[in-house]
């Protein structure tokens, strides 16, 4: 591992709201970006956070041609990560 990446790839999840975004998409499925903002955060850096998750291969963004809304969905990899996070969340609630 390089000095710049001593904590590994999982450290991406330390950034505020990223776990919440993944869990929201896991529970809701295909979601409009505005609905994610309404239910997770209106933080002005949310678009940047979504882009980071997309760059990590955890979610996809696409434009709905009909409504011109940006739609978000987990990738297969993102779904697996979100399931693990959801399992951890459930264990901590017990």
N, C-alpha and C. Protein backbone atom coordinates (compact mmCIF):
# COMPACT_ATOMS: atom_id res chain seq x y z
N UNK A 1 0.84 -1.18 0.00
CA UNK A 1 0.00 0.00 0.00
C UNK A 1 0.88 1.25 0.00
N UNK A 2 0.51 2.23 -0.74
CA UNK A 2 1.30 3.46 -0.79
C UNK A 2 1.06 4.28 0.46
N UNK A 3 1.95 5.21 0.72
CA UNK A 3 1.81 6.08 1.89
C UNK A 3 0.54 6.91 1.80
N UNK A 4 0.12 7.25 0.58
CA UNK A 4 -1.09 8.05 0.41
C UNK A 4 -2.36 7.26 0.70
N UNK A 5 -2.24 5.94 0.72
CA UNK A 5 -3.43 5.10 0.87
C UNK A 5 -3.22 4.06 1.97
N UNK A 6 -2.68 4.49 3.11
CA UNK A 6 -2.36 3.57 4.19
C UNK A 6 -3.59 2.89 4.76
N UNK A 7 -4.73 3.53 4.72
CA UNK A 7 -5.93 2.96 5.33
C UNK A 7 -6.73 2.10 4.37
N UNK A 8 -6.37 2.02 3.12
CA UNK A 8 -7.08 1.18 2.17
C UNK A 8 -8.28 1.88 1.57
N UNK A 9 -8.97 1.14 0.73
CA UNK A 9 -10.10 1.71 -0.02
C UNK A 9 -11.33 1.94 0.84
N UNK A 10 -11.47 1.22 1.94
CA UNK A 10 -12.65 1.40 2.80
C UNK A 10 -12.68 2.77 3.45
N UNK A 11 -11.55 3.46 3.47
CA UNK A 11 -11.51 4.78 4.11
C UNK A 11 -12.41 5.79 3.41
N UNK A 12 -12.81 5.52 2.16
CA UNK A 12 -13.74 6.41 1.47
C UNK A 12 -15.02 6.58 2.29
N UNK A 13 -15.40 5.55 3.04
CA UNK A 13 -16.65 5.58 3.79
C UNK A 13 -16.57 6.44 5.05
N UNK A 14 -15.38 6.93 5.38
CA UNK A 14 -15.24 7.81 6.54
C UNK A 14 -15.81 9.19 6.26
N UNK A 15 -15.93 9.56 5.00
CA UNK A 15 -16.45 10.88 4.65
C UNK A 15 -17.93 10.97 5.03
N UNK A 16 -18.29 12.10 5.61
CA UNK A 16 -19.65 12.31 6.09
C UNK A 16 -20.68 12.06 4.99
N UNK A 17 -21.73 11.36 5.33
CA UNK A 17 -22.91 11.06 4.51
C UNK A 17 -22.75 9.91 3.53
N UNK A 18 -21.54 9.41 3.29
CA UNK A 18 -21.40 8.37 2.27
C UNK A 18 -22.08 7.06 2.68
N UNK A 19 -21.96 6.69 3.93
CA UNK A 19 -22.65 5.48 4.40
C UNK A 19 -24.16 5.69 4.32
N UNK A 20 -24.63 6.86 4.72
CA UNK A 20 -26.07 7.16 4.66
C UNK A 20 -26.58 7.10 3.22
N UNK A 21 -25.80 7.59 2.28
CA UNK A 21 -26.19 7.54 0.87
C UNK A 21 -26.34 6.09 0.42
N UNK A 22 -25.34 5.26 0.73
CA UNK A 22 -25.39 3.85 0.33
C UNK A 22 -26.58 3.13 0.95
N UNK A 23 -26.82 3.36 2.24
CA UNK A 23 -27.93 2.68 2.91
C UNK A 23 -29.27 3.17 2.36
N UNK A 24 -29.38 4.46 2.08
CA UNK A 24 -30.62 4.98 1.50
C UNK A 24 -30.91 4.32 0.15
N UNK A 25 -29.90 4.26 -0.70
CA UNK A 25 -30.09 3.64 -2.02
C UNK A 25 -30.36 2.15 -1.90
N UNK A 26 -29.77 1.49 -0.92
CA UNK A 26 -30.03 0.06 -0.69
C UNK A 26 -31.51 -0.16 -0.38
N UNK A 27 -32.07 0.69 0.46
CA UNK A 27 -33.46 0.52 0.88
C UNK A 27 -34.46 1.04 -0.14
N UNK A 28 -34.10 2.09 -0.87
CA UNK A 28 -35.05 2.73 -1.79
C UNK A 28 -34.92 2.28 -3.24
N UNK A 29 -33.77 1.77 -3.62
CA UNK A 29 -33.57 1.39 -5.03
C UNK A 29 -33.35 2.63 -5.89
N UNK A 30 -33.73 2.55 -7.16
CA UNK A 30 -33.56 3.65 -8.10
C UNK A 30 -34.21 4.91 -7.53
N UNK A 31 -33.43 5.98 -7.42
CA UNK A 31 -33.85 7.18 -6.70
C UNK A 31 -33.47 8.43 -7.47
N UNK A 32 -34.36 9.42 -7.47
CA UNK A 32 -34.01 10.72 -8.03
C UNK A 32 -33.02 11.40 -7.07
N UNK A 33 -32.08 12.13 -7.64
CA UNK A 33 -31.07 12.80 -6.83
C UNK A 33 -31.73 13.74 -5.81
N UNK A 34 -32.76 14.45 -6.20
CA UNK A 34 -33.43 15.38 -5.29
C UNK A 34 -34.05 14.64 -4.11
N UNK A 35 -34.56 13.43 -4.33
CA UNK A 35 -35.12 12.64 -3.23
C UNK A 35 -34.02 12.22 -2.25
N UNK A 36 -32.85 11.91 -2.78
CA UNK A 36 -31.72 11.59 -1.91
C UNK A 36 -31.38 12.81 -1.05
N UNK A 37 -31.30 13.98 -1.67
CA UNK A 37 -31.01 15.20 -0.91
C UNK A 37 -32.07 15.43 0.16
N UNK A 38 -33.33 15.27 -0.19
CA UNK A 38 -34.42 15.50 0.77
C UNK A 38 -34.37 14.55 1.95
N UNK A 39 -33.86 13.35 1.74
CA UNK A 39 -33.90 12.33 2.79
C UNK A 39 -32.56 12.07 3.48
N UNK A 40 -31.47 12.52 2.90
CA UNK A 40 -30.16 12.30 3.53
C UNK A 40 -29.56 13.63 3.97
N UNK A 41 -29.36 14.56 3.05
CA UNK A 41 -28.76 15.85 3.40
C UNK A 41 -28.80 16.80 2.22
N UNK A 42 -28.96 18.08 2.53
CA UNK A 42 -28.84 19.13 1.52
C UNK A 42 -27.46 19.77 1.57
N UNK A 43 -26.49 19.06 2.13
CA UNK A 43 -25.12 19.53 2.20
C UNK A 43 -24.69 19.98 0.80
N UNK A 44 -24.12 21.16 0.66
CA UNK A 44 -23.73 21.64 -0.67
C UNK A 44 -22.67 20.78 -1.36
N UNK A 45 -22.03 19.88 -0.62
CA UNK A 45 -21.02 19.01 -1.20
C UNK A 45 -21.58 17.65 -1.61
N UNK A 46 -22.89 17.48 -1.53
CA UNK A 46 -23.50 16.19 -1.88
C UNK A 46 -23.17 15.76 -3.32
N UNK A 47 -23.23 16.65 -4.32
CA UNK A 47 -22.87 16.20 -5.67
C UNK A 47 -21.45 15.63 -5.74
N UNK A 48 -20.53 16.25 -5.01
CA UNK A 48 -19.15 15.76 -4.95
C UNK A 48 -19.09 14.38 -4.29
N UNK A 49 -19.88 14.18 -3.25
CA UNK A 49 -19.92 12.89 -2.55
C UNK A 49 -20.48 11.80 -3.47
N UNK A 50 -21.52 12.14 -4.20
CA UNK A 50 -22.10 11.19 -5.15
C UNK A 50 -21.08 10.83 -6.23
N UNK A 51 -20.35 11.84 -6.71
CA UNK A 51 -19.32 11.59 -7.71
C UNK A 51 -18.22 10.67 -7.17
N UNK A 52 -17.86 10.83 -5.90
CA UNK A 52 -16.84 9.96 -5.29
C UNK A 52 -17.31 8.51 -5.24
N UNK A 53 -18.59 8.32 -4.88
CA UNK A 53 -19.13 6.95 -4.84
C UNK A 53 -19.20 6.37 -6.25
N UNK A 54 -19.51 7.20 -7.22
CA UNK A 54 -19.54 6.73 -8.61
C UNK A 54 -18.13 6.35 -9.07
N UNK A 55 -17.15 7.18 -8.75
CA UNK A 55 -15.76 6.90 -9.13
C UNK A 55 -15.25 5.62 -8.49
N UNK A 56 -15.77 5.29 -7.30
CA UNK A 56 -15.38 4.06 -6.61
C UNK A 56 -16.13 2.85 -7.14
N UNK A 57 -17.05 3.08 -8.08
CA UNK A 57 -17.80 1.98 -8.68
C UNK A 57 -18.96 1.49 -7.83
N UNK A 58 -19.43 2.34 -6.90
CA UNK A 58 -20.50 1.93 -5.99
C UNK A 58 -21.89 2.38 -6.42
N UNK A 59 -21.98 3.40 -7.25
CA UNK A 59 -23.28 3.82 -7.76
C UNK A 59 -23.15 4.34 -9.17
N UNK A 60 -24.30 4.43 -9.83
CA UNK A 60 -24.37 4.96 -11.20
C UNK A 60 -25.35 6.12 -11.21
N UNK A 61 -25.06 7.11 -12.04
CA UNK A 61 -25.97 8.23 -12.27
C UNK A 61 -26.39 8.20 -13.73
N UNK A 62 -27.65 8.48 -13.97
CA UNK A 62 -28.10 8.62 -15.35
C UNK A 62 -29.24 9.62 -15.38
N UNK A 63 -29.42 10.25 -16.53
CA UNK A 63 -30.48 11.24 -16.68
C UNK A 63 -31.72 10.56 -17.23
N UNK A 64 -32.85 10.79 -16.58
CA UNK A 64 -34.13 10.29 -17.06
C UNK A 64 -34.54 11.19 -18.22
N UNK A 65 -34.61 10.64 -19.41
CA UNK A 65 -34.94 11.42 -20.60
C UNK A 65 -36.31 12.07 -20.55
N UNK A 66 -37.23 11.47 -19.80
CA UNK A 66 -38.58 12.00 -19.73
C UNK A 66 -38.66 13.21 -18.80
N UNK A 67 -38.18 13.05 -17.58
CA UNK A 67 -38.31 14.12 -16.59
C UNK A 67 -37.05 14.97 -16.46
N UNK A 68 -35.96 14.55 -17.08
CA UNK A 68 -34.66 15.20 -16.99
C UNK A 68 -34.09 15.18 -15.58
N UNK A 69 -34.65 14.35 -14.70
CA UNK A 69 -34.11 14.16 -13.36
C UNK A 69 -32.87 13.29 -13.44
N UNK A 70 -31.96 13.49 -12.51
CA UNK A 70 -30.81 12.59 -12.39
C UNK A 70 -31.23 11.44 -11.49
N UNK A 71 -31.07 10.23 -11.99
CA UNK A 71 -31.42 9.03 -11.23
C UNK A 71 -30.16 8.37 -10.72
N UNK A 72 -30.24 7.83 -9.52
CA UNK A 72 -29.12 7.15 -8.89
C UNK A 72 -29.50 5.72 -8.57
N UNK A 73 -28.55 4.81 -8.75
CA UNK A 73 -28.77 3.43 -8.33
C UNK A 73 -27.43 2.81 -7.98
N UNK A 74 -27.48 1.85 -7.08
CA UNK A 74 -26.27 1.13 -6.70
C UNK A 74 -25.83 0.21 -7.83
N UNK A 75 -24.54 0.07 -7.98
CA UNK A 75 -24.00 -0.95 -8.87
C UNK A 75 -24.04 -2.28 -8.12
N UNK A 76 -23.66 -3.34 -8.78
CA UNK A 76 -23.60 -4.65 -8.11
C UNK A 76 -22.62 -4.57 -6.93
N UNK A 77 -21.49 -3.96 -7.15
CA UNK A 77 -20.49 -3.78 -6.09
C UNK A 77 -21.06 -2.92 -4.96
N UNK A 78 -21.73 -1.83 -5.32
CA UNK A 78 -22.34 -0.95 -4.33
C UNK A 78 -23.40 -1.65 -3.51
N UNK A 79 -24.17 -2.52 -4.17
CA UNK A 79 -25.20 -3.27 -3.47
C UNK A 79 -24.58 -4.21 -2.44
N UNK A 80 -23.48 -4.84 -2.79
CA UNK A 80 -22.80 -5.75 -1.85
C UNK A 80 -22.26 -4.97 -0.65
N UNK A 81 -21.64 -3.82 -0.91
CA UNK A 81 -21.11 -3.00 0.18
C UNK A 81 -22.25 -2.50 1.07
N UNK A 82 -23.33 -2.03 0.45
CA UNK A 82 -24.47 -1.52 1.22
C UNK A 82 -25.11 -2.63 2.05
N UNK A 83 -25.16 -3.85 1.54
CA UNK A 83 -25.72 -4.96 2.31
C UNK A 83 -24.87 -5.22 3.55
N UNK A 84 -23.55 -5.21 3.39
CA UNK A 84 -22.67 -5.39 4.54
C UNK A 84 -22.86 -4.28 5.57
N UNK A 85 -22.97 -3.04 5.10
CA UNK A 85 -23.21 -1.92 6.00
C UNK A 85 -24.55 -2.05 6.71
N UNK A 86 -25.56 -2.50 5.98
CA UNK A 86 -26.89 -2.71 6.57
C UNK A 86 -26.83 -3.81 7.63
N UNK A 87 -26.09 -4.89 7.35
CA UNK A 87 -25.93 -5.97 8.33
C UNK A 87 -25.26 -5.45 9.60
N UNK A 88 -24.22 -4.64 9.43
CA UNK A 88 -23.54 -4.06 10.59
C UNK A 88 -24.49 -3.17 11.37
N UNK A 89 -25.26 -2.35 10.66
CA UNK A 89 -26.24 -1.47 11.29
C UNK A 89 -27.24 -2.27 12.12
N UNK A 90 -27.73 -3.37 11.56
CA UNK A 90 -28.69 -4.21 12.28
C UNK A 90 -28.06 -4.85 13.52
N UNK A 91 -26.80 -5.29 13.41
CA UNK A 91 -26.11 -5.88 14.56
C UNK A 91 -25.96 -4.87 15.69
N UNK A 92 -25.64 -3.63 15.33
CA UNK A 92 -25.45 -2.60 16.35
C UNK A 92 -26.76 -2.19 17.01
N UNK A 93 -27.87 -2.35 16.31
CA UNK A 93 -29.19 -2.04 16.88
C UNK A 93 -29.64 -3.10 17.87
N UNK A 94 -29.14 -4.33 17.71
CA UNK A 94 -29.59 -5.46 18.54
C UNK A 94 -29.07 -5.36 19.96
